[in-house]
Amino acid sequence: MISKLFDRPVYLKEKRDLVREITAVEDAIDFLEDWPERERDMIHDAALKTCYMAHDGLKPLNAARDAVRAFGKKKGILVKQPAVQPWMIKTPAGGGRVSP
């Protein structure tokens, strides 16, 4: 299956200090399908439906991305692109990653 990538990722807070990068419509569907049933509402349903329609080629990918962003904003879990963390930077000596 060919992944349907967004033009820019969406970042959503999963847990207290965990941010999930949503880069494709499949990632968005997985995230929304994992959302607790007791917390689902019309906004969740609309976002999920839009993502499935984009996956099937019935809506553009940017509509799915916008729906996921709107869902994240409404739920208070949308975050700006995270800053570079120290463990993401290689050491000047060419070694591996710096441990956290």
PDB file of N, CA and C in Angstrom:
ATOM      1  N   MET A   1       0.851  -1.179   0.000  1.00  0.00           N
ATOM      2  CA  MET A   1       0.000   0.000   0.000  1.00  0.00           C
ATOM      3  C   MET A   1       0.896   1.242   0.000  1.00  0.00           C
ATOM      4  N   ILE A   2       0.540   2.224  -0.781  1.00  0.00           N
ATOM      5  CA  ILE A   2       1.288   3.477  -0.871  1.00  0.00           C
ATOM      6  C   ILE A   2       0.789   4.420   0.212  1.00  0.00           C
ATOM      7  N   SER A   3       1.743   4.945   0.988  1.00  0.00           N
ATOM      8  CA  SER A   3       1.396   5.887   2.044  1.00  0.00           C
ATOM      9  C   SER A   3       0.988   7.222   1.429  1.00  0.00           C
ATOM     10  N   LYS A   4      -0.027   7.821   1.992  1.00  0.00           N
ATOM     11  CA  LYS A   4      -0.504   9.120   1.509  1.00  0.00           C
ATOM     12  C   LYS A   4      -0.024  10.190   2.487  1.00  0.00           C
ATOM     13  N   LEU A   5       1.129  10.773   2.156  1.00  0.00           N
ATOM     14  CA  LEU A   5       1.805  11.710   3.051  1.00  0.00           C
ATOM     15  C   LEU A   5       1.179  13.095   3.013  1.00  0.00           C
ATOM     16  N   PHE A   6       1.137  13.733   4.191  1.00  0.00           N
ATOM     17  CA  PHE A   6       0.733  15.128   4.285  1.00  0.00           C
ATOM     18  C   PHE A   6       1.895  15.996   3.821  1.00  0.00           C
ATOM     19  N   ASP A   7       1.598  17.223   3.395  1.00  0.00           N
ATOM     20  CA  ASP A   7       2.666  18.135   2.994  1.00  0.00           C
ATOM     21  C   ASP A   7       3.506  18.576   4.189  1.00  0.00           C
ATOM     22  N   ARG A   8       2.905  18.625   5.370  1.00  0.00           N
ATOM     23  CA  ARG A   8       3.603  18.926   6.632  1.00  0.00           C
ATOM     24  C   ARG A   8       2.990  18.060   7.726  1.00  0.00           C
ATOM     25  N   PRO A   9       3.799  17.592   8.656  1.00  0.00           N
ATOM     26  CA  PRO A   9       3.246  16.767   9.735  1.00  0.00           C
ATOM     27  C   PRO A   9       2.372  17.580  10.690  1.00  0.00           C
ATOM     28  N   VAL A  10       1.552  16.864  11.429  1.00  0.00           N
ATOM     29  CA  VAL A  10       0.744  17.435  12.507  1.00  0.00           C
ATOM     30  C   VAL A  10       1.264  16.794  13.790  1.00  0.00           C
ATOM     31  N   TYR A  11       1.422  17.591  14.830  1.00  0.00           N
ATOM     32  CA  TYR A  11       1.926  17.083  16.107  1.00  0.00           C
ATOM     33  C   TYR A  11       0.812  17.134  17.144  1.00  0.00           C
ATOM     34  N   LEU A  12       0.523  15.974  17.731  1.00  0.00           N
ATOM     35  CA  LEU A  12      -0.533  15.853  18.733  1.00  0.00           C
ATOM     36  C   LEU A  12       0.027  15.246  20.001  1.00  0.00           C
ATOM     37  N   LYS A  13      -0.375  15.807  21.130  1.00  0.00           N
ATOM     38  CA  LYS A  13       0.068  15.305  22.419  1.00  0.00           C
ATOM     39  C   LYS A  13      -0.708  14.029  22.734  1.00  0.00           C
ATOM     40  N   GLU A  14       0.026  12.948  22.997  1.00  0.00           N
ATOM     41  CA  GLU A  14      -0.607  11.667  23.332  1.00  0.00           C
ATOM     42  C   GLU A  14      -0.747  11.499  24.835  1.00  0.00           C
ATOM     43  N   LYS A  15       0.334  11.714  25.516  1.00  0.00           N
ATOM     44  CA  LYS A  15       0.355  11.596  26.971  1.00  0.00           C
ATOM     45  C   LYS A  15       1.034  12.840  27.504  1.00  0.00           C
ATOM     46  N   ARG A  16       1.266  12.878  28.765  1.00  0.00           N
ATOM     47  CA  ARG A  16       1.798  14.079  29.396  1.00  0.00           C
ATOM     48  C   ARG A  16       2.996  14.672  28.657  1.00  0.00           C
ATOM     49  N   ASP A  17       4.007  13.873  28.402  1.00  0.00           N
ATOM     50  CA  ASP A  17       5.219  14.389  27.755  1.00  0.00           C
ATOM     51  C   ASP A  17       5.507  13.719  26.421  1.00  0.00           C
ATOM     52  N   LEU A  18       4.520  13.091  25.823  1.00  0.00           N
ATOM     53  CA  LEU A  18       4.721  12.373  24.573  1.00  0.00           C
ATOM     54  C   LEU A  18       3.955  13.058  23.447  1.00  0.00           C
ATOM     55  N   VAL A  19       4.671  13.415  22.383  1.00  0.00           N
ATOM     56  CA  VAL A  19       4.059  14.060  21.224  1.00  0.00           C
ATOM     57  C   VAL A  19       4.162  13.087  20.050  1.00  0.00           C
ATOM     58  N   ARG A  20       3.060  12.904  19.368  1.00  0.00           N
ATOM     59  CA  ARG A  20       3.028  11.996  18.219  1.00  0.00           C
ATOM     60  C   ARG A  20       3.050  12.813  16.927  1.00  0.00           C
ATOM     61  N   GLU A  21       3.915  12.423  16.010  1.00  0.00           N
ATOM     62  CA  GLU A  21       4.018  13.072  14.716  1.00  0.00           C
ATOM     63  C   GLU A  21       3.109  12.328  13.738  1.00  0.00           C
ATOM     64  N   ILE A  22       2.142  13.039  13.182  1.00  0.00           N
ATOM     65  CA  ILE A  22       1.221  12.468  12.203  1.00  0.00           C
ATOM     66  C   ILE A  22       1.693  12.943  10.833  1.00  0.00           C
ATOM     67  N   THR A  23       2.256  12.036  10.035  1.00  0.00           N
ATOM     68  CA  THR A  23       2.839  12.416   8.752  1.00  0.00           C
ATOM     69  C   THR A  23       2.013  11.985   7.547  1.00  0.00           C
ATOM     70  N   ALA A  24       1.064  11.087   7.768  1.00  0.00           N
ATOM     71  CA  ALA A  24       0.288  10.544   6.651  1.00  0.00           C
ATOM     72  C   ALA A  24      -1.138  10.278   7.099  1.00  0.00           C
ATOM     73  N   VAL A  25      -2.015  10.129   6.116  1.00  0.00           N
ATOM     74  CA  VAL A  25      -3.422   9.880   6.430  1.00  0.00           C
ATOM     75  C   VAL A  25      -3.576   8.569   7.221  1.00  0.00           C
ATOM     76  N   GLU A  26      -2.728   7.586   6.954  1.00  0.00           N
ATOM     77  CA  GLU A  26      -2.791   6.322   7.712  1.00  0.00           C
ATOM     78  C   GLU A  26      -2.461   6.548   9.188  1.00  0.00           C
ATOM     79  N   ASP A  27      -1.476   7.425   9.460  1.00  0.00           N
ATOM     80  CA  ASP A  27      -1.136   7.761  10.848  1.00  0.00           C
ATOM     81  C   ASP A  27      -2.326   8.425  11.540  1.00  0.00           C
ATOM     82  N   ALA A  28      -2.984   9.312  10.811  1.00  0.00           N
ATOM     83  CA  ALA A  28      -4.136  10.024  11.374  1.00  0.00           C
ATOM     84  C   ALA A  28      -5.263   9.054  11.697  1.00  0.00           C
ATOM     85  N   ILE A  29      -5.525   8.120  10.785  1.00  0.00           N
ATOM     86  CA  ILE A  29      -6.582   7.129  11.023  1.00  0.00           C
ATOM     87  C   ILE A  29      -6.241   6.285  12.241  1.00  0.00           C
ATOM     88  N   ASP A  30      -4.991   5.831  12.337  1.00  0.00           N
ATOM     89  CA  ASP A  30      -4.575   5.033  13.503  1.00  0.00           C
ATOM     90  C   ASP A  30      -4.775   5.819  14.796  1.00  0.00           C
ATOM     91  N   PHE A  31      -4.358   7.089  14.785  1.00  0.00           N
ATOM     92  CA  PHE A  31      -4.497   7.917  15.981  1.00  0.00           C
ATOM     93  C   PHE A  31      -5.969   8.058  16.374  1.00  0.00           C
ATOM     94  N   LEU A  32      -6.812   8.364  15.413  1.00  0.00           N
ATOM     95  CA  LEU A  32      -8.235   8.570  15.697  1.00  0.00           C
ATOM     96  C   LEU A  32      -8.937   7.271  16.085  1.00  0.00           C
ATOM     97  N   GLU A  33      -8.547   6.165  15.477  1.00  0.00           N
ATOM     98  CA  GLU A  33      -9.139   4.872  15.842  1.00  0.00           C
ATOM     99  C   GLU A  33      -8.755   4.462  17.266  1.00  0.00           C
ATOM    100  N   ASP A  34      -7.569   4.900  17.716  1.00  0.00           N
ATOM    101  CA  ASP A  34      -7.108   4.579  19.073  1.00  0.00           C
ATOM    102  C   ASP A  34      -7.708   5.503  20.133  1.00  0.00           C
ATOM    103  N   TRP A  35      -8.385   6.563  19.717  1.00  0.00           N
ATOM    104  CA  TRP A  35      -8.967   7.517  20.649  1.00  0.00           C
ATOM    105  C   TRP A  35     -10.015   6.795  21.507  1.00  0.00           C
ATOM    106  N   PRO A  36     -10.030   7.014  22.813  1.00  0.00           N
ATOM    107  CA  PRO A  36     -10.987   6.306  23.687  1.00  0.00           C
ATOM    108  C   PRO A  36     -12.440   6.542  23.262  1.00  0.00           C
ATOM    109  N   GLU A  37     -13.201   5.467  23.196  1.00  0.00           N
ATOM    110  CA  GLU A  37     -14.595   5.562  22.734  1.00  0.00           C
ATOM    111  C   GLU A  37     -15.422   6.508  23.591  1.00  0.00           C
ATOM    112  N   ARG A  38     -15.170   6.520  24.883  1.00  0.00           N
ATOM    113  CA  ARG A  38     -15.968   7.374  25.780  1.00  0.00           C
ATOM    114  C   ARG A  38     -15.718   8.859  25.539  1.00  0.00           C
ATOM    115  N   GLU A  39     -14.613   9.197  24.833  1.00  0.00           N
ATOM    116  CA  GLU A  39     -14.271  10.598  24.557  1.00  0.00           C
ATOM    117  C   GLU A  39     -14.563  11.002  23.109  1.00  0.00           C
ATOM    118  N   ARG A  40     -15.153  10.108  22.351  1.00  0.00           N
ATOM    119  CA  ARG A  40     -15.460  10.416  20.950  1.00  0.00           C
ATOM    120  C   ARG A  40     -16.704  11.288  20.869  1.00  0.00           C
ATOM    121  N   ASP A  41     -16.704  12.173  19.891  1.00  0.00           N
ATOM    122  CA  ASP A  41     -17.834  13.078  19.696  1.00  0.00           C
ATOM    123  C   ASP A  41     -17.977  13.380  18.206  1.00  0.00           C
ATOM    124  N   MET A  42     -18.788  14.373  17.871  1.00  0.00           N
ATOM    125  CA  MET A  42     -19.020  14.695  16.456  1.00  0.00           C
ATOM    126  C   MET A  42     -17.746  15.160  15.757  1.00  0.00           C
ATOM    127  N   ILE A  43     -16.887  15.862  16.465  1.00  0.00           N
ATOM    128  CA  ILE A  43     -15.646  16.346  15.855  1.00  0.00           C
ATOM    129  C   ILE A  43     -14.723  15.169  15.544  1.00  0.00           C
ATOM    130  N   HIS A  44     -14.655  14.218  16.456  1.00  0.00           N
ATOM    131  CA  HIS A  44     -13.874  13.010  16.219  1.00  0.00           C
ATOM    132  C   HIS A  44     -14.424  12.261  15.010  1.00  0.00           C
ATOM    133  N   ASP A  45     -15.734  12.078  14.986  1.00  0.00           N
ATOM    134  CA  ASP A  45     -16.368  11.350  13.887  1.00  0.00           C
ATOM    135  C   ASP A  45     -16.122  12.030  12.538  1.00  0.00           C
ATOM    136  N   ALA A  46     -16.230  13.354  12.515  1.00  0.00           N
ATOM    137  CA  ALA A  46     -16.017  14.103  11.265  1.00  0.00           C
ATOM    138  C   ALA A  46     -14.561  13.985  10.811  1.00  0.00           C
ATOM    139  N   ALA A  47     -13.619  14.084  11.749  1.00  0.00           N
ATOM    140  CA  ALA A  47     -12.200  13.971  11.396  1.00  0.00           C
ATOM    141  C   ALA A  47     -11.892  12.573  10.863  1.00  0.00           C
ATOM    142  N   LEU A  48     -12.403  11.556  11.529  1.00  0.00           N
ATOM    143  CA  LEU A  48     -12.151  10.184  11.100  1.00  0.00           C
ATOM    144  C   LEU A  48     -12.767   9.919   9.719  1.00  0.00           C
ATOM    145  N   LYS A  49     -13.988  10.384   9.518  1.00  0.00           N
ATOM    146  CA  LYS A  49     -14.655  10.200   8.222  1.00  0.00           C
ATOM    147  C   LYS A  49     -13.870  10.914   7.116  1.00  0.00           C
ATOM    148  N   THR A  50     -13.411  12.118   7.386  1.00  0.00           N
ATOM    149  CA  THR A  50     -12.635  12.870   6.399  1.00  0.00           C
ATOM    150  C   THR A  50     -11.339  12.137   6.059  1.00  0.00           C
ATOM    151  N   CYS A  51     -10.687  11.576   7.071  1.00  0.00           N
ATOM    152  CA  CYS A  51      -9.439  10.839   6.829  1.00  0.00           C
ATOM    153  C   CYS A  51      -9.693   9.597   5.977  1.00  0.00           C
ATOM    154  N   TYR A  52     -10.757   8.863   6.283  1.00  0.00           N
ATOM    155  CA  TYR A  52     -11.077   7.684   5.465  1.00  0.00           C
ATOM    156  C   TYR A  52     -11.404   8.083   4.023  1.00  0.00           C
ATOM    157  N   MET A  53     -12.110   9.188   3.860  1.00  0.00           N
ATOM    158  CA  MET A  53     -12.447   9.646   2.510  1.00  0.00           C
ATOM    159  C   MET A  53     -11.186  10.071   1.746  1.00  0.00           C
ATOM    160  N   ALA A  54     -10.247  10.726   2.428  1.00  0.00           N
ATOM    161  CA  ALA A  54      -8.984  11.106   1.794  1.00  0.00           C
ATOM    162  C   ALA A  54      -8.174   9.861   1.446  1.00  0.00           C
ATOM    163  N   HIS A  55      -8.193   8.884   2.320  1.00  0.00           N
ATOM    164  CA  HIS A  55      -7.494   7.621   2.068  1.00  0.00           C
ATOM    165  C   HIS A  55      -8.038   6.948   0.810  1.00  0.00           C
ATOM    166  N   ASP A  56      -9.339   7.034   0.626  1.00  0.00           N
ATOM    167  CA  ASP A  56      -9.987   6.405  -0.533  1.00  0.00           C
ATOM    168  C   ASP A  56      -9.971   7.290  -1.782  1.00  0.00           C
ATOM    169  N   GLY A  57      -9.369   8.476  -1.683  1.00  0.00           N
ATOM    170  CA  GLY A  57      -9.267   9.369  -2.831  1.00  0.00           C
ATOM    171  C   GLY A  57     -10.497  10.220  -3.088  1.00  0.00           C
ATOM    172  N   LEU A  58     -11.426  10.250  -2.126  1.00  0.00           N
ATOM    173  CA  LEU A  58     -12.654  11.019  -2.299  1.00  0.00           C
ATOM    174  C   LEU A  58     -12.524  12.463  -1.807  1.00  0.00           C
ATOM    175  N   LYS A  59     -11.483  12.737  -1.039  1.00  0.00           N
ATOM    176  CA  LYS A  59     -11.188  14.093  -0.556  1.00  0.00           C
ATOM    177  C   LYS A  59      -9.687  14.300  -0.685  1.00  0.00           C
ATOM    178  N   PRO A  60      -9.243  15.543  -0.798  1.00  0.00           N
ATOM    179  CA  PRO A  60      -7.797  15.798  -0.869  1.00  0.00           C
ATOM    180  C   PRO A  60      -7.119  15.542   0.485  1.00  0.00           C
ATOM    181  N   LEU A  61      -5.826  15.219   0.421  1.00  0.00           N
ATOM    182  CA  LEU A  61      -5.071  14.945   1.651  1.00  0.00           C
ATOM    183  C   LEU A  61      -5.053  16.140   2.595  1.00  0.00           C
ATOM    184  N   ASN A  62      -5.009  17.360   2.029  1.00  0.00           N
ATOM    185  CA  ASN A  62      -4.966  18.529   2.922  1.00  0.00           C
ATOM    186  C   ASN A  62      -6.274  18.677   3.701  1.00  0.00           C
ATOM    187  N   ALA A  63      -7.386  18.138   3.205  1.00  0.00           N
ATOM    188  CA  ALA A  63      -8.640  18.164   3.974  1.00  0.00           C
ATOM    189  C   ALA A  63      -8.517  17.260   5.199  1.00  0.00           C
ATOM    190  N   ALA A  64      -7.862  16.110   5.019  1.00  0.00           N
ATOM    191  CA  ALA A  64      -7.644  15.201   6.155  1.00  0.00           C
ATOM    192  C   ALA A  64      -6.705  15.845   7.174  1.00  0.00           C
ATOM    193  N   ARG A  65      -5.631  16.467   6.679  1.00  0.00           N
ATOM    194  CA  ARG A  65      -4.687  17.136   7.585  1.00  0.00           C
ATOM    195  C   ARG A  65      -5.388  18.249   8.367  1.00  0.00           C
ATOM    196  N   ASP A  66      -6.191  19.038   7.673  1.00  0.00           N
ATOM    197  CA  ASP A  66      -6.927  20.116   8.335  1.00  0.00           C
ATOM    198  C   ASP A  66      -7.903  19.564   9.375  1.00  0.00           C
ATOM    199  N   ALA A  67      -8.537  18.445   9.070  1.00  0.00           N
ATOM    200  CA  ALA A  67      -9.486  17.828  10.004  1.00  0.00           C
ATOM    201  C   ALA A  67      -8.771  17.333  11.261  1.00  0.00           C
ATOM    202  N   VAL A  68      -7.600  16.746  11.085  1.00  0.00           N
ATOM    203  CA  VAL A  68      -6.818  16.263  12.240  1.00  0.00           C
ATOM    204  C   VAL A  68      -6.343  17.449  13.074  1.00  0.00           C
ATOM    205  N   ARG A  69      -5.897  18.508  12.424  1.00  0.00           N
ATOM    206  CA  ARG A  69      -5.481  19.714  13.165  1.00  0.00           C
ATOM    207  C   ARG A  69      -6.652  20.306  13.939  1.00  0.00           C
ATOM    208  N   ALA A  70      -7.824  20.383  13.303  1.00  0.00           N
ATOM    209  CA  ALA A  70      -9.009  20.932  13.980  1.00  0.00           C
ATOM    210  C   ALA A  70      -9.393  20.061  15.174  1.00  0.00           C
ATOM    211  N   PHE A  71      -9.316  18.751  15.001  1.00  0.00           N
ATOM    212  CA  PHE A  71      -9.609  17.829  16.106  1.00  0.00           C
ATOM    213  C   PHE A  71      -8.633  18.076  17.259  1.00  0.00           C
ATOM    214  N   GLY A  72      -7.334  18.144  16.928  1.00  0.00           N
ATOM    215  CA  GLY A  72      -6.322  18.371  17.958  1.00  0.00           C
ATOM    216  C   GLY A  72      -6.503  19.694  18.672  1.00  0.00           C
ATOM    217  N   LYS A  73      -6.836  20.720  17.923  1.00  0.00           N
ATOM    218  CA  LYS A  73      -7.049  22.047  18.523  1.00  0.00           C
ATOM    219  C   LYS A  73      -8.251  22.026  19.457  1.00  0.00           C
ATOM    220  N   LYS A  74      -9.340  21.416  19.009  1.00  0.00           N
ATOM    221  CA  LYS A  74     -10.563  21.359  19.828  1.00  0.00           C
ATOM    222  C   LYS A  74     -10.334  20.570  21.116  1.00  0.00           C
ATOM    223  N   LYS A  75      -9.535  19.510  21.026  1.00  0.00           N
ATOM    224  CA  LYS A  75      -9.258  18.662  22.198  1.00  0.00           C
ATOM    225  C   LYS A  75      -8.122  19.206  23.055  1.00  0.00           C
ATOM    226  N   GLY A  76      -7.460  20.255  22.590  1.00  0.00           N
ATOM    227  CA  GLY A  76      -6.365  20.844  23.361  1.00  0.00           C
ATOM    228  C   GLY A  76      -5.083  20.027  23.317  1.00  0.00           C
ATOM    229  N   ILE A  77      -4.902  19.231  22.244  1.00  0.00           N
ATOM    230  CA  ILE A  77      -3.711  18.388  22.150  1.00  0.00           C
ATOM    231  C   ILE A  77      -2.828  18.742  20.952  1.00  0.00           C
ATOM    232  N   LEU A  78      -3.206  19.766  20.205  1.00  0.00           N
ATOM    233  CA  LEU A  78      -2.397  20.200  19.068  1.00  0.00           C
ATOM    234  C   LEU A  78      -1.196  20.964  19.602  1.00  0.00           C
ATOM    235  N   VAL A  79      -0.016  20.587  19.142  1.00  0.00           N
ATOM    236  CA  VAL A  79       1.198  21.285  19.573  1.00  0.00           C
ATOM    237  C   VAL A  79       1.959  21.761  18.346  1.00  0.00           C
ATOM    238  N   LYS A  80       2.728  22.830  18.529  1.00  0.00           N
ATOM    239  CA  LYS A  80       3.581  23.314  17.451  1.00  0.00           C
ATOM    240  C   LYS A  80       4.689  22.299  17.241  1.00  0.00           C
ATOM    241  N   GLN A  81       5.368  22.423  16.117  1.00  0.00           N
ATOM    242  CA  GLN A  81       6.467  21.504  15.834  1.00  0.00           C
ATOM    243  C   GLN A  81       7.442  21.544  16.999  1.00  0.00           C
ATOM    244  N   PRO A  82       7.747  20.382  17.563  1.00  0.00           N
ATOM    245  CA  PRO A  82       8.635  20.376  18.724  1.00  0.00           C
ATOM    246  C   PRO A  82      10.035  20.872  18.376  1.00  0.00           C
ATOM    247  N   ALA A  83      10.648  21.502  19.349  1.00  0.00           N
ATOM    248  CA  ALA A  83      12.022  21.967  19.175  1.00  0.00           C
ATOM    249  C   ALA A  83      12.950  20.755  19.110  1.00  0.00           C
ATOM    250  N   VAL A  84      14.115  20.956  18.559  1.00  0.00           N
ATOM    251  CA  VAL A  84      15.097  19.881  18.496  1.00  0.00           C
ATOM    252  C   VAL A  84      15.521  19.524  19.910  1.00  0.00           C
ATOM    253  N   GLN A  85      15.472  18.251  20.213  1.00  0.00           N
ATOM    254  CA  GLN A  85      15.866  17.765  21.527  1.00  0.00           C
ATOM    255  C   GLN A  85      17.351  17.388  21.502  1.00  0.00           C
ATOM    256  N   PRO A  86      18.026  17.461  22.648  1.00  0.00           N
ATOM    257  CA  PRO A  86      19.467  17.160  22.673  1.00  0.00           C
ATOM    258  C   PRO A  86      19.815  15.781  22.119  1.00  0.00           C
ATOM    259  N   TRP A  87      18.974  14.795  22.315  1.00  0.00           N
ATOM    260  CA  TRP A  87      19.289  13.448  21.848  1.00  0.00           C
ATOM    261  C   TRP A  87      19.181  13.311  20.331  1.00  0.00           C
ATOM    262  N   MET A  88      18.653  14.340  19.656  1.00  0.00           N
ATOM    263  CA  MET A  88      18.528  14.303  18.201  1.00  0.00           C
ATOM    264  C   MET A  88      19.774  14.832  17.499  1.00  0.00           C
ATOM    265  N   ILE A  89      20.712  15.360  18.254  1.00  0.00           N
ATOM    266  CA  ILE A  89      21.883  16.018  17.679  1.00  0.00           C
ATOM    267  C   ILE A  89      23.092  15.097  17.777  1.00  0.00           C
ATOM    268  N   LYS A  90      23.831  14.967  16.668  1.00  0.00           N
ATOM    269  CA  LYS A  90      25.060  14.178  16.687  1.00  0.00           C
ATOM    270  C   LYS A  90      26.158  14.982  17.362  1.00  0.00           C
ATOM    271  N   THR A  91      27.064  14.285  17.997  1.00  0.00           N
ATOM    272  CA  THR A  91      28.192  14.950  18.641  1.00  0.00           C
ATOM    273  C   THR A  91      29.170  15.435  17.579  1.00  0.00           C
ATOM    274  N   PRO A  92      29.935  16.499  17.861  1.00  0.00           N
ATOM    275  CA  PRO A  92      30.885  17.028  16.877  1.00  0.00           C
ATOM    276  C   PRO A  92      31.940  15.992  16.445  1.00  0.00           C
ATOM    277  N   ALA A  93      32.256  15.056  17.317  1.00  0.00           N
ATOM    278  CA  ALA A  93      33.274  14.043  16.995  1.00  0.00           C
ATOM    279  C   ALA A  93      32.735  13.002  16.021  1.00  0.00           C
ATOM    280  N   GLY A  94      31.491  13.129  15.629  1.00  0.00           N
ATOM    281  CA  GLY A  94      30.925  12.184  14.682  1.00  0.00           C
ATOM    282  C   GLY A  94      30.366  10.928  15.354  1.00  0.00           C
ATOM    283  N   GLY A  95      30.289  10.958  16.657  1.00  0.00           N
ATOM    284  CA  GLY A  95      29.753   9.801  17.390  1.00  0.00           C
ATOM    285  C   GLY A  95      28.261   9.694  17.186  1.00  0.00           C
ATOM    286  N   GLY A  96      27.663   8.824  17.922  1.00  0.00           N
ATOM    287  CA  GLY A  96      26.232   8.595  17.823  1.00  0.00           C
ATOM    288  C   GLY A  96      25.442   9.713  18.472  1.00  0.00           C
ATOM    289  N   ARG A  97      24.268   9.396  18.835  1.00  0.00           N
ATOM    290  CA  ARG A  97      23.395  10.381  19.484  1.00  0.00           C
ATOM    291  C   ARG A  97      23.807  10.600  20.919  1.00  0.00           C
ATOM    292  N   VAL A  98      23.545  11.778  21.404  1.00  0.00           N
ATOM    293  CA  VAL A  98      23.802  12.089  22.799  1.00  0.00           C
ATOM    294  C   VAL A  98      22.675  11.498  23.613  1.00  0.00           C
ATOM    295  N   SER A  99      23.014  10.788  24.692  1.00  0.00           N
ATOM    296  CA  SER A  99      21.940  10.189  25.486  1.00  0.00           C
ATOM    297  C   SER A  99      21.214  11.230  26.301  1.00  0.00           C
ATOM    298  N   PRO A 100      19.905  10.984  26.531  1.00  0.00           N
ATOM    299  CA  PRO A 100      19.094  11.939  27.277  1.00  0.00           C
ATOM    300  C   PRO A 100      19.492  12.017  28.724  1.00  0.00           C
TER     301      PRO A 100
END
